[in-house]
Amino acid sequence: MENKKSKNTVDKNKKNFGVITREWKKGDLVKVMDFDITGLPSPYYGVVLGDGDKEQMKIFPCLSIYSLSDARSLIAEVYKLELISAAR
């Protein structure tokens, strides 16, 4: 009986954050959370252009992003991206 109670307690304590995963698509509007040299956040918005570097031994995957504030193409690591609006 004790195992059943502990299992119910664990189920009640689980949090469902509703995280949905999907592949990045060209045209996705993203917020890039970058940091300046002092460690302060300097986010900017951009549009996904496609895959970044095609290196074989890349530890952190990256994407090519068109920065809306700078009007230039930049490379950003995927962990810095937040999806704002998905492309169709």
PDB file of N, CA and C in Angstrom:
ATOM      1  N   MET A   1       0.815  -1.198   0.000  1.00  0.00           N
ATOM      2  CA  MET A   1       0.000   0.000   0.000  1.00  0.00           C
ATOM      3  C   MET A   1       0.861   1.265   0.000  1.00  0.00           C
ATOM      4  N   GLU A   2       2.017   1.177   0.646  1.00  0.00           N
ATOM      5  CA  GLU A   2       2.879   2.345   0.749  1.00  0.00           C
ATOM      6  C   GLU A   2       3.391   2.794  -0.625  1.00  0.00           C
ATOM      7  N   ASN A   3       3.703   1.840  -1.506  1.00  0.00           N
ATOM      8  CA  ASN A   3       4.171   2.183  -2.851  1.00  0.00           C
ATOM      9  C   ASN A   3       3.103   2.914  -3.638  1.00  0.00           C
ATOM     10  N   LYS A   4       1.864   2.520  -3.480  1.00  0.00           N
ATOM     11  CA  LYS A   4       0.776   3.152  -4.208  1.00  0.00           C
ATOM     12  C   LYS A   4       0.630   4.619  -3.803  1.00  0.00           C
ATOM     13  N   LYS A   5       0.753   4.897  -2.492  1.00  0.00           N
ATOM     14  CA  LYS A   5       0.653   6.274  -2.017  1.00  0.00           C
ATOM     15  C   LYS A   5       1.811   7.120  -2.533  1.00  0.00           C
ATOM     16  N   SER A   6       3.003   6.572  -2.486  1.00  0.00           N
ATOM     17  CA  SER A   6       4.156   7.344  -2.948  1.00  0.00           C
ATOM     18  C   SER A   6       4.067   7.607  -4.445  1.00  0.00           C
ATOM     19  N   LYS A   7       3.537   6.662  -5.210  1.00  0.00           N
ATOM     20  CA  LYS A   7       3.375   6.853  -6.650  1.00  0.00           C
ATOM     21  C   LYS A   7       2.364   7.959  -6.932  1.00  0.00           C
ATOM     22  N   ASN A   8       1.253   7.978  -6.179  1.00  0.00           N
ATOM     23  CA  ASN A   8       0.261   9.030  -6.359  1.00  0.00           C
ATOM     24  C   ASN A   8       0.827  10.398  -6.012  1.00  0.00           C
ATOM     25  N   THR A   9       1.641  10.449  -4.987  1.00  0.00           N
ATOM     26  CA  THR A   9       2.269  11.709  -4.592  1.00  0.00           C
ATOM     27  C   THR A   9       3.185  12.216  -5.699  1.00  0.00           C
ATOM     28  N   VAL A  10       3.945  11.311  -6.299  1.00  0.00           N
ATOM     29  CA  VAL A  10       4.841  11.697  -7.396  1.00  0.00           C
ATOM     30  C   VAL A  10       4.029  12.198  -8.578  1.00  0.00           C
ATOM     31  N   ASP A  11       2.931  11.525  -8.922  1.00  0.00           N
ATOM     32  CA  ASP A  11       2.101  11.953 -10.041  1.00  0.00           C
ATOM     33  C   ASP A  11       1.503  13.334  -9.799  1.00  0.00           C
ATOM     34  N   LYS A  12       1.095  13.616  -8.577  1.00  0.00           N
ATOM     35  CA  LYS A  12       0.514  14.920  -8.262  1.00  0.00           C
ATOM     36  C   LYS A  12       1.560  16.022  -8.335  1.00  0.00           C
ATOM     37  N   ASN A  13       2.807  15.690  -8.014  1.00  0.00           N
ATOM     38  CA  ASN A  13       3.864  16.692  -7.997  1.00  0.00           C
ATOM     39  C   ASN A  13       4.481  16.948  -9.359  1.00  0.00           C
ATOM     40  N   LYS A  14       4.175  16.117 -10.354  1.00  0.00           N
ATOM     41  CA  LYS A  14       4.713  16.329 -11.693  1.00  0.00           C
ATOM     42  C   LYS A  14       4.099  17.589 -12.293  1.00  0.00           C
ATOM     43  N   LYS A  15       4.924  18.352 -12.963  1.00  0.00           N
ATOM     44  CA  LYS A  15       4.444  19.558 -13.624  1.00  0.00           C
ATOM     45  C   LYS A  15       4.407  19.309 -15.119  1.00  0.00           C
ATOM     46  N   ASN A  16       3.353  19.729 -15.747  1.00  0.00           N
ATOM     47  CA  ASN A  16       3.234  19.611 -17.185  1.00  0.00           C
ATOM     48  C   ASN A  16       3.380  21.000 -17.775  1.00  0.00           C
ATOM     49  N   PHE A  17       4.534  21.264 -18.369  1.00  0.00           N
ATOM     50  CA  PHE A  17       4.793  22.577 -18.930  1.00  0.00           C
ATOM     51  C   PHE A  17       4.291  22.707 -20.366  1.00  0.00           C
ATOM     52  N   GLY A  18       3.856  21.619 -20.960  1.00  0.00           N
ATOM     53  CA  GLY A  18       3.327  21.682 -22.316  1.00  0.00           C
ATOM     54  C   GLY A  18       4.372  22.056 -23.350  1.00  0.00           C
ATOM     55  N   VAL A  19       5.566  21.526 -23.232  1.00  0.00           N
ATOM     56  CA  VAL A  19       6.633  21.827 -24.179  1.00  0.00           C
ATOM     57  C   VAL A  19       6.393  21.051 -25.466  1.00  0.00           C
ATOM     58  N   ILE A  20       6.404  21.762 -26.560  1.00  0.00           N
ATOM     59  CA  ILE A  20       6.218  21.146 -27.878  1.00  0.00           C
ATOM     60  C   ILE A  20       7.523  21.308 -28.640  1.00  0.00           C
ATOM     61  N   THR A  21       8.020  20.216 -29.204  1.00  0.00           N
ATOM     62  CA  THR A  21       9.254  20.289 -29.975  1.00  0.00           C
ATOM     63  C   THR A  21       8.952  20.122 -31.454  1.00  0.00           C
ATOM     64  N   ARG A  22       9.725  20.805 -32.281  1.00  0.00           N
ATOM     65  CA  ARG A  22       9.612  20.684 -33.725  1.00  0.00           C
ATOM     66  C   ARG A  22      10.905  21.170 -34.345  1.00  0.00           C
ATOM     67  N   GLU A  23      11.098  20.863 -35.596  1.00  0.00           N
ATOM     68  CA  GLU A  23      12.298  21.296 -36.310  1.00  0.00           C
ATOM     69  C   GLU A  23      12.164  22.778 -36.673  1.00  0.00           C
ATOM     70  N   TRP A  24      13.305  23.460 -36.732  1.00  0.00           N
ATOM     71  CA  TRP A  24      13.301  24.857 -37.172  1.00  0.00           C
ATOM     72  C   TRP A  24      13.076  24.887 -38.669  1.00  0.00           C
ATOM     73  N   LYS A  25      12.278  25.847 -39.134  1.00  0.00           N
ATOM     74  CA  LYS A  25      11.995  25.990 -40.561  1.00  0.00           C
ATOM     75  C   LYS A  25      12.459  27.357 -41.039  1.00  0.00           C
ATOM     76  N   LYS A  26      12.780  27.426 -42.321  1.00  0.00           N
ATOM     77  CA  LYS A  26      13.112  28.718 -42.913  1.00  0.00           C
ATOM     78  C   LYS A  26      11.889  29.619 -42.799  1.00  0.00           C
ATOM     79  N   GLY A  27      12.108  30.825 -42.340  1.00  0.00           N
ATOM     80  CA  GLY A  27      11.014  31.782 -42.213  1.00  0.00           C
ATOM     81  C   GLY A  27      10.465  31.909 -40.800  1.00  0.00           C
ATOM     82  N   ASP A  28      10.914  31.074 -39.868  1.00  0.00           N
ATOM     83  CA  ASP A  28      10.477  31.203 -38.474  1.00  0.00           C
ATOM     84  C   ASP A  28      10.972  32.533 -37.910  1.00  0.00           C
ATOM     85  N   LEU A  29      10.076  33.263 -37.237  1.00  0.00           N
ATOM     86  CA  LEU A  29      10.475  34.483 -36.547  1.00  0.00           C
ATOM     87  C   LEU A  29      10.936  34.092 -35.153  1.00  0.00           C
ATOM     88  N   VAL A  30      12.142  34.481 -34.790  1.00  0.00           N
ATOM     89  CA  VAL A  30      12.726  34.050 -33.518  1.00  0.00           C
ATOM     90  C   VAL A  30      13.260  35.241 -32.740  1.00  0.00           C
ATOM     91  N   LYS A  31      13.348  35.039 -31.432  1.00  0.00           N
ATOM     92  CA  LYS A  31      14.022  35.985 -30.551  1.00  0.00           C
ATOM     93  C   LYS A  31      15.334  35.328 -30.160  1.00  0.00           C
ATOM     94  N   VAL A  32      16.432  36.003 -30.411  1.00  0.00           N
ATOM     95  CA  VAL A  32      17.756  35.478 -30.090  1.00  0.00           C
ATOM     96  C   VAL A  32      18.220  36.156 -28.805  1.00  0.00           C
ATOM     97  N   MET A  33      18.453  35.348 -27.768  1.00  0.00           N
ATOM     98  CA  MET A  33      18.920  35.882 -26.491  1.00  0.00           C
ATOM     99  C   MET A  33      20.442  35.823 -26.479  1.00  0.00           C
ATOM    100  N   ASP A  34      21.044  36.930 -26.813  1.00  0.00           N
ATOM    101  CA  ASP A  34      22.505  37.029 -26.833  1.00  0.00           C
ATOM    102  C   ASP A  34      22.950  37.869 -25.642  1.00  0.00           C
ATOM    103  N   PHE A  35      24.228  37.821 -25.325  1.00  0.00           N
ATOM    104  CA  PHE A  35      24.765  38.570 -24.191  1.00  0.00           C
ATOM    105  C   PHE A  35      25.950  39.396 -24.641  1.00  0.00           C
ATOM    106  N   ASP A  36      26.056  40.608 -24.099  1.00  0.00           N
ATOM    107  CA  ASP A  36      27.195  41.450 -24.463  1.00  0.00           C
ATOM    108  C   ASP A  36      28.409  41.096 -23.608  1.00  0.00           C
ATOM    109  N   ILE A  37      29.475  41.839 -23.754  1.00  0.00           N
ATOM    110  CA  ILE A  37      30.727  41.518 -23.082  1.00  0.00           C
ATOM    111  C   ILE A  37      30.635  41.640 -21.560  1.00  0.00           C
ATOM    112  N   THR A  38      29.687  42.439 -21.067  1.00  0.00           N
ATOM    113  CA  THR A  38      29.525  42.608 -19.617  1.00  0.00           C
ATOM    114  C   THR A  38      28.611  41.547 -19.009  1.00  0.00           C
ATOM    115  N   GLY A  39      28.003  40.721 -19.848  1.00  0.00           N
ATOM    116  CA  GLY A  39      27.120  39.681 -19.351  1.00  0.00           C
ATOM    117  C   GLY A  39      25.659  40.080 -19.325  1.00  0.00           C
ATOM    118  N   LEU A  40      25.353  41.284 -19.766  1.00  0.00           N
ATOM    119  CA  LEU A  40      23.966  41.729 -19.799  1.00  0.00           C
ATOM    120  C   LEU A  40      23.277  41.198 -21.056  1.00  0.00           C
ATOM    121  N   PRO A  41      22.009  40.823 -20.942  1.00  0.00           N
ATOM    122  CA  PRO A  41      21.308  40.304 -22.122  1.00  0.00           C
ATOM    123  C   PRO A  41      21.078  41.400 -23.162  1.00  0.00           C
ATOM    124  N   SER A  42      21.261  41.036 -24.403  1.00  0.00           N
ATOM    125  CA  SER A  42      20.972  41.954 -25.513  1.00  0.00           C
ATOM    126  C   SER A  42      20.216  41.168 -26.585  1.00  0.00           C
ATOM    127  N   PRO A  43      18.928  40.955 -26.354  1.00  0.00           N
ATOM    128  CA  PRO A  43      18.138  40.162 -27.302  1.00  0.00           C
ATOM    129  C   PRO A  43      17.870  40.927 -28.593  1.00  0.00           C
ATOM    130  N   TYR A  44      17.703  40.171 -29.658  1.00  0.00           N
ATOM    131  CA  TYR A  44      17.295  40.755 -30.934  1.00  0.00           C
ATOM    132  C   TYR A  44      16.402  39.763 -31.651  1.00  0.00           C
ATOM    133  N   TYR A  45      15.642  40.274 -32.610  1.00  0.00           N
ATOM    134  CA  TYR A  45      14.720  39.442 -33.371  1.00  0.00           C
ATOM    135  C   TYR A  45      15.295  39.164 -34.739  1.00  0.00           C
ATOM    136  N   GLY A  46      14.948  37.997 -35.267  1.00  0.00           N
ATOM    137  CA  GLY A  46      15.444  37.622 -36.576  1.00  0.00           C
ATOM    138  C   GLY A  46      14.572  36.574 -37.236  1.00  0.00           C
ATOM    139  N   VAL A  47      14.927  36.237 -38.445  1.00  0.00           N
ATOM    140  CA  VAL A  47      14.221  35.240 -39.243  1.00  0.00           C
ATOM    141  C   VAL A  47      15.208  34.127 -39.585  1.00  0.00           C
ATOM    142  N   VAL A  48      14.783  32.883 -39.422  1.00  0.00           N
ATOM    143  CA  VAL A  48      15.639  31.735 -39.714  1.00  0.00           C
ATOM    144  C   VAL A  48      15.834  31.629 -41.227  1.00  0.00           C
ATOM    145  N   LEU A  49      17.105  31.594 -41.639  1.00  0.00           N
ATOM    146  CA  LEU A  49      17.441  31.440 -43.057  1.00  0.00           C
ATOM    147  C   LEU A  49      17.749  29.994 -43.414  1.00  0.00           C
ATOM    148  N   GLY A  50      18.204  29.219 -42.458  1.00  0.00           N
ATOM    149  CA  GLY A  50      18.554  27.818 -42.721  1.00  0.00           C
ATOM    150  C   GLY A  50      19.638  27.363 -41.773  1.00  0.00           C
ATOM    151  N   ASP A  51      20.226  26.224 -42.103  1.00  0.00           N
ATOM    152  CA  ASP A  51      21.299  25.675 -41.274  1.00  0.00           C
ATOM    153  C   ASP A  51      22.511  26.584 -41.311  1.00  0.00           C
ATOM    154  N   GLY A  52      23.234  26.600 -40.205  1.00  0.00           N
ATOM    155  CA  GLY A  52      24.452  27.402 -40.115  1.00  0.00           C
ATOM    156  C   GLY A  52      25.625  26.633 -40.657  1.00  0.00           C
ATOM    157  N   ASP A  53      26.612  26.432 -39.835  1.00  0.00           N
ATOM    158  CA  ASP A  53      27.821  25.717 -40.240  1.00  0.00           C
ATOM    159  C   ASP A  53      27.512  24.257 -40.511  1.00  0.00           C
ATOM    160  N   LYS A  54      28.195  23.706 -41.482  1.00  0.00           N
ATOM    161  CA  LYS A  54      28.014  22.301 -41.849  1.00  0.00           C
ATOM    162  C   LYS A  54      29.182  21.454 -41.345  1.00  0.00           C
ATOM    163  N   GLU A  55      29.779  21.855 -40.225  1.00  0.00           N
ATOM    164  CA  GLU A  55      30.912  21.114 -39.697  1.00  0.00           C
ATOM    165  C   GLU A  55      30.459  19.752 -39.169  1.00  0.00           C
ATOM    166  N   GLN A  56      31.314  18.771 -39.326  1.00  0.00           N
ATOM    167  CA  GLN A  56      30.982  17.413 -38.916  1.00  0.00           C
ATOM    168  C   GLN A  56      30.972  17.262 -37.394  1.00  0.00           C
ATOM    169  N   MET A  57      31.881  17.914 -36.691  1.00  0.00           N
ATOM    170  CA  MET A  57      32.037  17.728 -35.247  1.00  0.00           C
ATOM    171  C   MET A  57      31.472  18.912 -34.453  1.00  0.00           C
ATOM    172  N   LYS A  58      30.385  19.484 -34.889  1.00  0.00           N
ATOM    173  CA  LYS A  58      29.798  20.622 -34.194  1.00  0.00           C
ATOM    174  C   LYS A  58      29.126  20.160 -32.908  1.00  0.00           C
ATOM    175  N   ILE A  59      29.503  20.711 -31.772  1.00  0.00           N
ATOM    176  CA  ILE A  59      28.924  20.325 -30.489  1.00  0.00           C
ATOM    177  C   ILE A  59      27.557  20.973 -30.306  1.00  0.00           C
ATOM    178  N   PHE A  60      27.466  22.272 -30.574  1.00  0.00           N
ATOM    179  CA  PHE A  60      26.217  22.987 -30.436  1.00  0.00           C
ATOM    180  C   PHE A  60      25.669  23.314 -31.823  1.00  0.00           C
ATOM    181  N   PRO A  61      24.496  22.790 -32.187  1.00  0.00           N
ATOM    182  CA  PRO A  61      23.943  23.103 -33.508  1.00  0.00           C
ATOM    183  C   PRO A  61      23.613  24.593 -33.615  1.00  0.00           C
ATOM    184  N   CYS A  62      23.752  25.122 -34.809  1.00  0.00           N
ATOM    185  CA  CYS A  62      23.471  26.541 -35.011  1.00  0.00           C
ATOM    186  C   CYS A  62      22.702  26.750 -36.301  1.00  0.00           C
ATOM    187  N   LEU A  63      22.080  27.914 -36.387  1.00  0.00           N
ATOM    188  CA  LEU A  63      21.282  28.282 -37.551  1.00  0.00           C
ATOM    189  C   LEU A  63      21.740  29.633 -38.067  1.00  0.00           C
ATOM    190  N   SER A  64      21.510  29.850 -39.336  1.00  0.00           N
ATOM    191  CA  SER A  64      21.754  31.150 -39.930  1.00  0.00           C
ATOM    192  C   SER A  64      20.503  31.997 -39.706  1.00  0.00           C
ATOM    193  N   ILE A  65      20.678  33.171 -39.116  1.00  0.00           N
ATOM    194  CA  ILE A  65      19.572  34.057 -38.754  1.00  0.00           C
ATOM    195  C   ILE A  65      19.767  35.403 -39.441  1.00  0.00           C
ATOM    196  N   TYR A  66      18.688  35.941 -40.032  1.00  0.00           N
ATOM    197  CA  TYR A  66      18.727  37.302 -40.563  1.00  0.00           C
ATOM    198  C   TYR A  66      18.270  38.230 -39.450  1.00  0.00           C
ATOM    199  N   SER A  67      19.172  39.048 -38.956  1.00  0.00           N
ATOM    200  CA  SER A  67      18.869  39.962 -37.856  1.00  0.00           C
ATOM    201  C   SER A  67      18.055  41.139 -38.379  1.00  0.00           C
ATOM    202  N   LEU A  68      16.884  41.368 -37.788  1.00  0.00           N
ATOM    203  CA  LEU A  68      16.025  42.470 -38.223  1.00  0.00           C
ATOM    204  C   LEU A  68      16.567  43.822 -37.766  1.00  0.00           C
ATOM    205  N   SER A  69      17.324  43.850 -36.686  1.00  0.00           N
ATOM    206  CA  SER A  69      17.860  45.125 -36.196  1.00  0.00           C
ATOM    207  C   SER A  69      19.120  45.550 -36.955  1.00  0.00           C
ATOM    208  N   ASP A  70      19.959  44.586 -37.346  1.00  0.00           N
ATOM    209  CA  ASP A  70      21.213  44.901 -38.039  1.00  0.00           C
ATOM    210  C   ASP A  70      21.118  44.765 -39.556  1.00  0.00           C
ATOM    211  N   ALA A  71      20.070  44.098 -40.040  1.00  0.00           N
ATOM    212  CA  ALA A  71      19.891  43.832 -41.473  1.00  0.00           C
ATOM    213  C   ALA A  71      21.088  43.075 -42.044  1.00  0.00           C
ATOM    214  N   ARG A  72      21.529  42.041 -41.307  1.00  0.00           N
ATOM    215  CA  ARG A  72      22.618  41.195 -41.800  1.00  0.00           C
ATOM    216  C   ARG A  72      22.405  39.766 -41.321  1.00  0.00           C
ATOM    217  N   SER A  73      23.084  38.845 -41.941  1.00  0.00           N
ATOM    218  CA  SER A  73      22.976  37.435 -41.603  1.00  0.00           C
ATOM    219  C   SER A  73      23.980  37.080 -40.518  1.00  0.00           C
ATOM    220  N   LEU A  74      23.498  36.408 -39.472  1.00  0.00           N
ATOM    221  CA  LEU A  74      24.346  36.007 -38.355  1.00  0.00           C
ATOM    222  C   LEU A  74      24.170  34.515 -38.087  1.00  0.00           C
ATOM    223  N   ILE A  75      25.131  33.925 -37.401  1.00  0.00           N
ATOM    224  CA  ILE A  75      25.038  32.534 -36.970  1.00  0.00           C
ATOM    225  C   ILE A  75      24.696  32.543 -35.478  1.00  0.00           C
ATOM    226  N   ALA A  76      23.652  31.792 -35.094  1.00  0.00           N
ATOM    227  CA  ALA A  76      23.244  31.728 -33.685  1.00  0.00           C
ATOM    228  C   ALA A  76      23.060  30.279 -33.276  1.00  0.00           C
ATOM    229  N   GLU A  77      23.499  29.961 -32.062  1.00  0.00           N
ATOM    230  CA  GLU A  77      23.310  28.615 -31.528  1.00  0.00           C
ATOM    231  C   GLU A  77      21.831  28.404 -31.215  1.00  0.00           C
ATOM    232  N   VAL A  78      21.369  27.172 -31.389  1.00  0.00           N
ATOM    233  CA  VAL A  78      19.953  26.855 -31.231  1.00  0.00           C
ATOM    234  C   VAL A  78      19.464  27.107 -29.806  1.00  0.00           C
ATOM    235  N   TYR A  79      20.324  26.902 -28.803  1.00  0.00           N
ATOM    236  CA  TYR A  79      19.888  27.086 -27.426  1.00  0.00           C
ATOM    237  C   TYR A  79      19.598  28.550 -27.093  1.00  0.00           C
ATOM    238  N   LYS A  80      20.004  29.484 -27.943  1.00  0.00           N
ATOM    239  CA  LYS A  80      19.734  30.900 -27.720  1.00  0.00           C
ATOM    240  C   LYS A  80      18.413  31.358 -28.335  1.00  0.00           C
ATOM    241  N   LEU A  81      17.743  30.475 -29.075  1.00  0.00           N
ATOM    242  CA  LEU A  81      16.558  30.870 -29.832  1.00  0.00           C
ATOM    243  C   LEU A  81      15.263  30.596 -29.092  1.00  0.00           C
ATOM    244  N   GLU A  82      14.307  31.497 -29.277  1.00  0.00           N
ATOM    245  CA  GLU A  82      12.947  31.326 -28.784  1.00  0.00           C
ATOM    246  C   GLU A  82      12.006  31.604 -29.950  1.00  0.00           C
ATOM    247  N   LEU A  83      11.102  30.669 -30.226  1.00  0.00           N
ATOM    248  CA  LEU A  83      10.185  30.809 -31.350  1.00  0.00           C
ATOM    249  C   LEU A  83       9.130  31.857 -31.031  1.00  0.00           C
ATOM    250  N   ILE A  84       8.989  32.831 -31.906  1.00  0.00           N
ATOM    251  CA  ILE A  84       7.963  33.877 -31.751  1.00  0.00           C
ATOM    252  C   ILE A  84       6.780  33.568 -32.658  1.00  0.00           C
ATOM    253  N   SER A  85       7.068  33.269 -33.924  1.00  0.00           N
ATOM    254  CA  SER A  85       6.005  32.946 -34.877  1.00  0.00           C
ATOM    255  C   SER A  85       6.536  31.884 -35.847  1.00  0.00           C
ATOM    256  N   ALA A  86       5.797  30.819 -35.993  1.00  0.00           N
ATOM    257  CA  ALA A  86       6.208  29.714 -36.860  1.00  0.00           C
ATOM    258  C   ALA A  86       5.900  30.006 -38.322  1.00  0.00           C
ATOM    259  N   ALA A  87       6.793  29.558 -39.191  1.00  0.00           N
ATOM    260  CA  ALA A  87       6.566  29.649 -40.629  1.00  0.00           C
ATOM    261  C   ALA A  87       5.582  28.569 -41.046  1.00  0.00           C
ATOM    262  N   ARG A  88       4.890  28.800 -42.135  1.00  0.00           N
ATOM    263  CA  ARG A  88       3.926  27.800 -42.615  1.00  0.00           C
ATOM    264  C   ARG A  88       4.594  26.741 -43.420  1.00  0.00           C
TER     265      ARG A  88
END
